[in-house]
C-alpha atoms as a PDB file:
ATOM      1  CA  MET A   1     336.161 102.856 146.545  1.00  0.00           C
ATOM      2  CA  GLY A   2     333.643 101.404 148.908  1.00  0.00           C
ATOM      3  CA  GLY A   3     332.114 101.680 152.314  1.00  0.00           C
ATOM      4  CA  SER A   4     333.888 103.600 155.059  1.00  0.00           C
ATOM      5  CA  GLU A   5     335.481 100.434 156.494  1.00  0.00           C
ATOM      6  CA  SER A   6     336.870  99.334 153.131  1.00  0.00           C
ATOM      7  CA  VAL A   7     338.278 102.767 152.421  1.00  0.00           C
ATOM      8  CA  LEU A   8     339.966 102.866 155.816  1.00  0.00           C
ATOM      9  CA  GLY A   9     341.797  99.647 154.959  1.00  0.00           C
ATOM     10  CA  PHE A  10     343.002 101.080 151.648  1.00  0.00           C
ATOM     11  CA  ASN A  11     344.185 104.253 153.391  1.00  0.00           C
ATOM     12  CA  LEU A  12     346.132 102.221 155.945  1.00  0.00           C
ATOM     13  CA  ALA A  13     347.725 100.295 153.062  1.00  0.00           C
ATOM     14  CA  GLY A  14     348.996 103.541 151.563  1.00  0.00           C
ATOM     15  CA  VAL A  15     346.476 104.152 148.768  1.00  0.00           C
ATOM     16  CA  LYS A  16     346.592 107.884 148.039  1.00  0.00           C
ATOM     17  CA  LYS A  17     343.116 108.371 146.581  1.00  0.00           C
ATOM     18  CA  SER A  18     340.196 106.575 148.151  1.00  0.00           C
ATOM     19  CA  TYR A  19     336.537 107.437 148.187  1.00  0.00           C
ATOM     20  CA  ALA A  20     333.896 106.402 150.698  1.00  0.00           C
ATOM     21  CA  ALA A  21     330.438 105.719 149.352  1.00  0.00           C
ATOM     22  CA  ASP A  22     327.940 104.092 151.667  1.00  0.00           C
ATOM     23  CA  THR A  23     324.882 104.166 149.388  1.00  0.00           C
ATOM     24  CA  GLU A  24     324.319 103.074 145.801  1.00  0.00           C
ATOM     25  CA  GLU A  25     323.671 106.687 144.777  1.00  0.00           C
ATOM     26  CA  GLN A  26     326.957 107.832 146.339  1.00  0.00           C
ATOM     27  CA  MET A  27     328.771 104.944 144.662  1.00  0.00           C
ATOM     28  CA  VAL A  28     327.404 105.821 141.203  1.00  0.00           C
ATOM     29  CA  SER A  29     328.298 109.489 141.699  1.00  0.00           C
ATOM     30  CA  LYS A  30     331.838 108.774 142.894  1.00  0.00           C
ATOM     31  CA  ILE A  31     332.442 106.262 140.112  1.00  0.00           C
ATOM     32  CA  GLY A  32     331.524 108.984 137.623  1.00  0.00           C
ATOM     33  CA  GLU A  33     334.076 111.315 139.216  1.00  0.00           C
ATOM     34  CA  VAL A  34     336.779 108.634 139.233  1.00  0.00           C
ATOM     35  CA  MET A  35     336.140 107.649 135.614  1.00  0.00           C
ATOM     36  CA  ALA A  36     336.546 111.304 134.589  1.00  0.00           C
ATOM     37  CA  ASP A  37     339.837 111.708 136.501  1.00  0.00           C
ATOM     38  CA  SER A  38     342.712 111.096 134.072  1.00  0.00           C
ATOM     39  CA  ASN A  39     345.112 110.622 137.010  1.00  0.00           C
ATOM     40  CA  VAL A  40     343.360 107.452 138.186  1.00  0.00           C
ATOM     41  CA  GLY A  41     344.804 104.257 136.719  1.00  0.00           C
ATOM     42  CA  ILE A  42     343.039 101.616 138.809  1.00  0.00           C
ATOM     43  CA  LEU A  43     339.574 101.555 140.350  1.00  0.00           C
ATOM     44  CA  VAL A  44     339.126  98.903 143.040  1.00  0.00           C
ATOM     45  CA  LEU A  45     335.756  98.094 144.545  1.00  0.00           C
ATOM     46  CA  LYS A  46     334.155  95.203 146.360  1.00  0.00           C
ATOM     47  CA  GLN A  47     332.372  92.666 144.176  1.00  0.00           C
ATOM     48  CA  SER A  48     329.254  93.045 146.328  1.00  0.00           C
ATOM     49  CA  ASP A  49     329.227  96.802 145.610  1.00  0.00           C
ATOM     50  CA  TYR A  50     329.817  96.183 141.906  1.00  0.00           C
ATOM     51  CA  ASN A  51     326.888  93.754 141.804  1.00  0.00           C
ATOM     52  CA  LYS A  52     324.556  96.472 143.161  1.00  0.00           C
ATOM     53  CA  LEU A  53     325.398  98.948 140.384  1.00  0.00           C
ATOM     54  CA  PRO A  54     323.052  99.507 137.442  1.00  0.00           C
ATOM     55  CA  LYS A  55     323.750  97.030 134.611  1.00  0.00           C
ATOM     56  CA  ARG A  56     324.689  99.804 132.182  1.00  0.00           C
ATOM     57  CA  LEU A  57     327.355 101.102 134.571  1.00  0.00           C
ATOM     58  CA  GLN A  58     328.605  97.543 135.157  1.00  0.00           C
ATOM     59  CA  GLU A  59     329.060  97.170 131.390  1.00  0.00           C
ATOM     60  CA  GLN A  60     330.932 100.482 131.184  1.00  0.00           C
ATOM     61  CA  LEU A  61     333.254  99.436 134.021  1.00  0.00           C
ATOM     62  CA  SER A  62     333.911  95.973 132.603  1.00  0.00           C
ATOM     63  CA  GLU A  63     334.954  97.522 129.266  1.00  0.00           C
ATOM     64  CA  SER A  64     337.084 100.282 130.795  1.00  0.00           C
ATOM     65  CA  ILE A  65     340.771 100.240 129.958  1.00  0.00           C
ATOM     66  CA  LYS A  66     341.744 103.349 131.907  1.00  0.00           C
ATOM     67  CA  PRO A  67     341.061 103.212 134.689  1.00  0.00           C
ATOM     68  CA  THR A  68     341.356  99.463 134.945  1.00  0.00           C
ATOM     69  CA  VAL A  69     338.514  98.240 137.155  1.00  0.00           C
ATOM     70  CA  ILE A  70     339.175  95.483 139.672  1.00  0.00           C
ATOM     71  CA  SER A  71     336.500  93.995 141.882  1.00  0.00           C
ATOM     72  CA  ILE A  72     337.574  92.123 144.992  1.00  0.00           C
ATOM     73  CA  GLY A  73     335.774  89.857 147.404  1.00  0.00           C
ATOM     74  CA  THR A  74     334.182  86.446 147.632  1.00  0.00           C
ATOM     75  CA  GLU A  75     331.051  87.086 145.560  1.00  0.00           C
ATOM     76  CA  GLN A  76     331.239  86.004 141.947  1.00  0.00           C
ATOM     77  CA  SER A  77     330.064  87.803 138.855  1.00  0.00           C
ATOM     78  CA  THR A  78     329.979  86.827 135.221  1.00  0.00           C
ATOM     79  CA  GLU A  79     330.063  90.503 134.227  1.00  0.00           C
ATOM     80  CA  MET A  80     333.708  91.335 135.032  1.00  0.00           C
ATOM     81  CA  ARG A  81     336.370  90.184 132.620  1.00  0.00           C
END
């Protein structure tokens, strides 16, 4: 999940489900959909996108077991485990 450019990279790498979200509102909405989808095992998003999410949603994602949430990128956060 991420901006259009990030999602394109995941698609080229063979990821079957990817979601573009270019605004914070779109990101929050799509994360809700992904969290409700029992077929999703891993949610990957950029650390910079994760850092922009509301704190309550960040806490929910950091405690999620399924899907497992992975943030990638060079920004650091003390919120993710």
